[in-house]
Protein backbone atom coordinates (compact mmCIF):
# COMPACT_ATOMS: atom_id res chain seq x y z
CA UNK A 1 114.01 125.31 86.57
CA UNK A 2 110.78 125.19 84.58
CA UNK A 3 107.68 127.29 85.16
CA UNK A 4 104.18 126.03 84.52
CA UNK A 5 100.56 126.28 85.57
CA UNK A 6 99.00 123.29 87.30
CA UNK A 7 95.23 122.81 86.95
CA UNK A 8 93.11 122.68 90.09
CA UNK A 9 89.32 122.81 90.16
CA UNK A 10 88.80 125.06 87.18
CA UNK A 11 91.80 127.32 87.69
CA UNK A 12 95.51 127.09 86.94
CA UNK A 13 98.02 127.52 89.76
CA UNK A 14 101.33 129.28 89.26
CA UNK A 15 104.09 126.74 89.80
CA UNK A 16 107.70 125.93 89.08
CA UNK A 17 109.85 122.84 89.31
CA UNK A 18 113.54 122.53 90.02
CA UNK A 19 114.66 119.54 87.95
CA UNK A 20 117.66 117.57 89.18
CA UNK A 21 120.54 116.87 86.84
CA UNK A 22 120.94 113.47 85.21
CA UNK A 23 118.69 110.98 83.50
CA UNK A 24 116.73 110.03 86.60
CA UNK A 25 114.06 109.15 87.37
CA UNK A 26 114.46 111.41 90.40
CA UNK A 27 112.53 111.27 93.65
CA UNK A 28 110.34 114.34 94.10
CA UNK A 29 109.48 116.80 96.84
CA UNK A 30 106.31 118.89 96.84
CA UNK A 31 107.32 122.03 98.76
CA UNK A 32 104.37 123.61 100.57
CA UNK A 33 104.45 127.24 101.66
CA UNK A 34 102.79 128.73 104.70
CA UNK A 35 100.27 131.46 105.48
CA UNK A 36 100.46 133.65 103.55
CA UNK A 37 103.83 132.32 102.35
CA UNK A 38 106.41 135.09 102.67
CA UNK A 39 109.13 132.53 103.42
CA UNK A 40 109.14 130.31 100.35
CA UNK A 41 112.15 128.16 101.32
CA UNK A 42 113.46 128.17 97.78
CA UNK A 43 117.00 127.97 99.12
CA UNK A 44 116.01 124.53 100.43
CA UNK A 45 114.58 123.74 97.00
CA UNK A 46 117.92 124.41 95.35
CA UNK A 47 119.73 122.32 97.96
CA UNK A 48 117.36 119.42 97.41
CA UNK A 49 117.74 119.73 93.64
CA UNK A 50 121.53 119.53 93.98
CA UNK A 51 121.05 116.39 96.07
CA UNK A 52 119.17 114.73 93.23
CA UNK A 53 115.57 115.67 93.92
CA UNK A 54 112.97 117.25 91.68
CA UNK A 55 111.25 119.97 93.73
CA UNK A 56 107.81 121.36 92.88
CA UNK A 57 106.76 124.70 94.33
CA UNK A 58 103.34 126.26 93.69
CA UNK A 59 100.97 128.90 95.00
CA UNK A 60 97.57 127.73 96.23
CA UNK A 61 94.47 129.09 94.57
CA UNK A 62 93.93 132.69 95.61
CA UNK A 63 97.49 133.20 96.81
CA UNK A 64 100.32 135.23 95.33
CA UNK A 65 98.67 135.87 91.97
CA UNK A 66 97.22 132.41 91.35
CA UNK A 67 93.58 132.92 90.33
CA UNK A 68 90.71 131.75 92.51
CA UNK A 69 89.73 132.08 96.14
CA UNK A 70 91.97 131.05 98.99
CA UNK A 71 90.70 128.82 101.77
CA UNK A 72 92.21 126.03 103.81
CA UNK A 73 89.99 123.43 102.17
CA UNK A 74 90.87 124.79 98.72
CA UNK A 75 94.56 124.55 99.58
CA UNK A 76 94.09 120.89 100.55
CA UNK A 77 92.46 120.26 97.19
CA UNK A 78 95.35 122.07 95.51
CA UNK A 79 97.96 119.81 97.09
CA UNK A 80 96.03 116.79 95.81
CA UNK A 81 95.92 118.38 92.35
CA UNK A 82 99.69 118.85 92.32
CA UNK A 83 100.23 115.23 93.37
CA UNK A 84 97.98 114.10 90.53
CA UNK A 85 99.82 116.36 88.09
CA UNK A 86 103.30 115.03 88.83
CA UNK A 87 102.05 111.45 88.75
CA UNK A 88 100.71 111.76 85.22
CA UNK A 89 103.00 109.63 83.03
CA UNK A 90 103.67 112.42 80.53
CA UNK A 91 104.69 114.85 83.28
CA UNK A 92 106.79 112.28 85.12
CA UNK A 93 108.66 111.59 81.87
CA UNK A 94 109.02 115.29 81.07
CA UNK A 95 110.61 116.09 84.42
CA UNK A 96 112.53 112.79 84.78
CA UNK A 97 110.55 112.18 87.93
CA UNK A 98 109.72 108.97 89.80
CA UNK A 99 105.99 109.19 90.67
CA UNK A 100 106.36 106.37 93.22
CA UNK A 101 108.81 108.36 95.37
CA UNK A 102 107.09 111.59 96.40
CA UNK A 103 107.62 113.32 99.74
CA UNK A 104 105.81 116.37 101.12
CA UNK A 105 107.83 119.12 102.81
CA UNK A 106 105.86 121.92 104.42
CA UNK A 107 106.65 125.03 106.45
CA UNK A 108 104.15 126.46 108.94
CA UNK A 109 100.70 126.13 107.33
CA UNK A 110 102.48 124.10 104.66
CA UNK A 111 103.28 121.54 107.36
CA UNK A 112 99.58 121.47 108.19
CA UNK A 113 98.86 120.85 104.49
CA UNK A 114 101.45 118.05 104.38
CA UNK A 115 99.73 116.24 107.26
CA UNK A 116 96.28 116.63 105.70
CA UNK A 117 97.40 115.49 102.24
CA UNK A 118 99.45 112.50 103.36
CA UNK A 119 96.69 111.30 105.67
CA UNK A 120 94.39 110.74 102.67
CA UNK A 121 97.06 109.67 100.17
CA UNK A 122 98.86 106.47 101.24
CA UNK A 123 101.20 106.70 98.24
CA UNK A 124 102.99 109.73 99.74
CA UNK A 125 106.22 108.23 101.07
CA UNK A 126 106.79 110.60 103.98
CA UNK A 127 106.34 114.09 105.35
CA UNK A 128 108.73 116.72 106.66
CA UNK A 129 107.19 119.39 108.89
CA UNK A 130 109.09 122.61 109.52
CA UNK A 131 107.43 124.57 112.35
CA UNK A 132 104.14 123.07 111.26
CA UNK A 133 101.04 124.96 112.36
CA UNK A 134 98.39 122.55 113.68
CA UNK A 135 95.57 124.85 112.59
CA UNK A 136 92.79 122.50 113.67
CA UNK A 137 94.45 121.54 116.91
CA UNK A 138 95.23 125.15 117.79
CA UNK A 139 91.61 126.17 117.36
CA UNK A 140 90.45 123.13 119.29
CA UNK A 141 92.74 124.11 122.16
CA UNK A 142 91.35 127.64 122.08
CA UNK A 143 87.84 126.22 122.47
CA UNK A 144 88.87 124.57 125.75
CA UNK A 145 89.75 128.00 127.14
CA UNK A 146 87.27 130.39 125.51
CA UNK A 147 83.79 130.49 124.10
CA UNK A 148 83.40 129.82 120.38
CA UNK A 149 82.79 133.51 119.73
CA UNK A 150 85.91 134.54 121.62
CA UNK A 151 88.01 131.85 119.95
CA UNK A 152 86.78 132.96 116.53
CA UNK A 153 87.67 136.57 117.31
CA UNK A 154 91.15 135.65 118.52
CA UNK A 155 91.84 133.39 115.54
CA UNK A 156 90.59 136.02 113.10
CA UNK A 157 92.86 138.61 114.68
CA UNK A 158 95.83 136.25 114.53
CA UNK A 159 95.27 135.43 110.87
CA UNK A 160 94.92 139.12 110.00
CA UNK A 161 98.19 139.89 111.75
CA UNK A 162 99.96 137.31 109.58
CA UNK A 163 99.15 139.43 106.52
CA UNK A 164 96.27 138.89 104.14
CA UNK A 165 97.39 141.09 101.24
CA UNK A 166 98.76 138.20 99.12
CA UNK A 167 95.48 136.27 99.49
CA UNK A 168 92.34 136.68 97.41
CA UNK A 169 88.69 135.83 97.98
CA UNK A 170 88.88 135.35 101.74
CA UNK A 171 88.63 137.24 105.01
CA UNK A 172 90.15 136.56 108.43
CA UNK A 173 86.67 135.97 109.84
CA UNK A 174 85.79 133.51 107.10
CA UNK A 175 89.01 131.56 107.51
CA UNK A 176 88.59 131.45 111.28
CA UNK A 177 85.07 130.05 110.86
CA UNK A 178 86.40 127.42 108.46
CA UNK A 179 88.87 126.30 111.12
CA UNK A 180 86.13 126.25 113.74
CA UNK A 181 83.96 124.04 111.55
CA UNK A 182 86.77 121.51 110.98
CA UNK A 183 88.87 121.80 114.14
CA UNK A 184 88.60 118.20 115.31
CA UNK A 185 88.86 116.61 111.88
CA UNK A 186 91.88 118.69 110.87
CA UNK A 187 93.88 118.36 114.09
CA UNK A 188 97.22 116.57 113.91
CA UNK A 189 96.10 114.13 116.58
CA UNK A 190 93.24 112.98 114.37
CA UNK A 191 95.73 111.98 111.66
CA UNK A 192 97.98 109.76 113.78
CA UNK A 193 96.33 106.53 112.67
CA UNK A 194 96.73 107.36 108.99
CA UNK A 195 100.40 108.31 109.35
CA UNK A 196 101.66 105.82 111.92
CA UNK A 197 103.57 103.72 109.37
CA UNK A 198 105.33 106.43 107.35
CA UNK A 199 108.51 108.41 107.98
CA UNK A 200 108.02 111.86 109.50
CA UNK A 201 110.52 114.62 110.17
CA UNK A 202 109.34 117.12 112.77
CA UNK A 203 111.51 120.25 113.05
CA UNK A 204 110.70 122.98 115.57
CA UNK A 205 112.09 126.36 116.54
CA UNK A 206 111.56 129.01 119.22
CA UNK A 207 108.38 130.33 117.58
CA UNK A 208 105.76 128.96 119.96
CA UNK A 209 104.76 125.95 117.85
CA UNK A 210 106.98 123.39 119.55
CA UNK A 211 104.45 121.85 121.94
CA UNK A 212 101.83 120.70 119.39
CA UNK A 213 104.55 119.38 117.10
CA UNK A 214 106.23 117.44 119.88
CA UNK A 215 102.84 116.10 120.95
CA UNK A 216 102.20 114.89 117.41
CA UNK A 217 105.61 113.20 117.20
CA UNK A 218 105.00 111.53 120.55
CA UNK A 219 101.56 110.32 119.46
CA UNK A 220 103.01 108.83 116.27
CA UNK A 221 105.60 106.96 118.34
CA UNK A 222 102.98 105.69 120.77
CA UNK A 223 101.02 104.39 117.77
CA UNK A 224 104.04 102.32 116.78
CA UNK A 225 105.77 104.60 114.29
CA UNK A 226 109.51 103.93 114.57
CA UNK A 227 110.34 106.34 111.73
CA UNK A 228 109.81 109.67 113.49
CA UNK A 229 112.76 112.07 113.56
CA UNK A 230 112.64 115.26 115.65
CA UNK A 231 114.94 118.26 115.77
CA UNK A 232 114.76 121.59 117.58
CA UNK A 233 116.75 124.55 116.29
CA UNK A 234 117.09 127.82 118.27
CA UNK A 235 115.65 130.10 115.62
CA UNK A 236 112.70 132.26 114.66
CA UNK A 237 109.76 131.04 112.56
CA UNK A 238 111.71 131.55 109.33
CA UNK A 239 114.85 129.87 110.72
CA UNK A 240 116.67 133.01 109.68
CA UNK A 241 120.02 132.19 111.30
CA UNK A 242 119.73 128.40 111.01
CA UNK A 243 119.22 127.89 107.28
CA UNK A 244 122.34 125.77 106.82
CA UNK A 245 121.49 123.46 109.73
CA UNK A 246 117.88 123.28 108.55
CA UNK A 247 118.97 122.26 105.06
CA UNK A 248 121.47 119.73 106.36
CA UNK A 249 118.84 118.06 108.56
CA UNK A 250 116.33 117.92 105.72
CA UNK A 251 118.82 116.44 103.26
CA UNK A 252 119.96 113.84 105.79
CA UNK A 253 116.36 112.77 106.39
CA UNK A 254 115.60 112.65 102.65
CA UNK A 255 118.67 110.61 101.72
CA UNK A 256 117.15 107.11 102.26
CA UNK A 257 114.25 107.90 99.92
CA UNK A 258 116.68 108.60 97.09
CA UNK A 259 118.27 105.12 97.13
């Protein structure tokens, strides 16, 4: 494991990489944490490393001690910055990493970030979504039931309840407004066309996020994507009592990329 700081828009993000054994070059996973990111899934990182993958974990700007201000749009920029970092020839050589075989794995808001990043980066080979939070789609759905003001208040309350202490330079109200301003463009359904030809793993649990994830998987299939894998595990949002099954499913899905 190596620690580093990855540059992103004038700041340097705290990051680490689990480097697989052997000469490589190894396929790579960018592991994306949620909001605010209490469950880091580093047990999955170690499992993936043992299976021959390099795994990069980082904290978005303004989160968990990384300097800067947190926002959803900043986090999207940060994912792009990490992709650019690992693709630099010197870094790929340093970490024995294959820059042509990169997969995004995201939990909760990290799944949302995986969808956004892959939709604008065709070189990303695939995405794995673990209880992905369709932040844009969720707010869009709220607008069909409530006024904008009511939806903003509800979203702000929900974000605050998730815990804002690890985040800097943002407020629940500000983040809710950001989602309102981008709801349609950030929804999973708006990304189907961009992702209809790439492998996707959609894992859900009993945390209330199953319906939008299943709808996204179904939309990808209707668009002609024959590489969509779905799995439901009876667990909480952190998959507390299903970690072994979660890891096994992820490794099985990743295996073809490593060949």
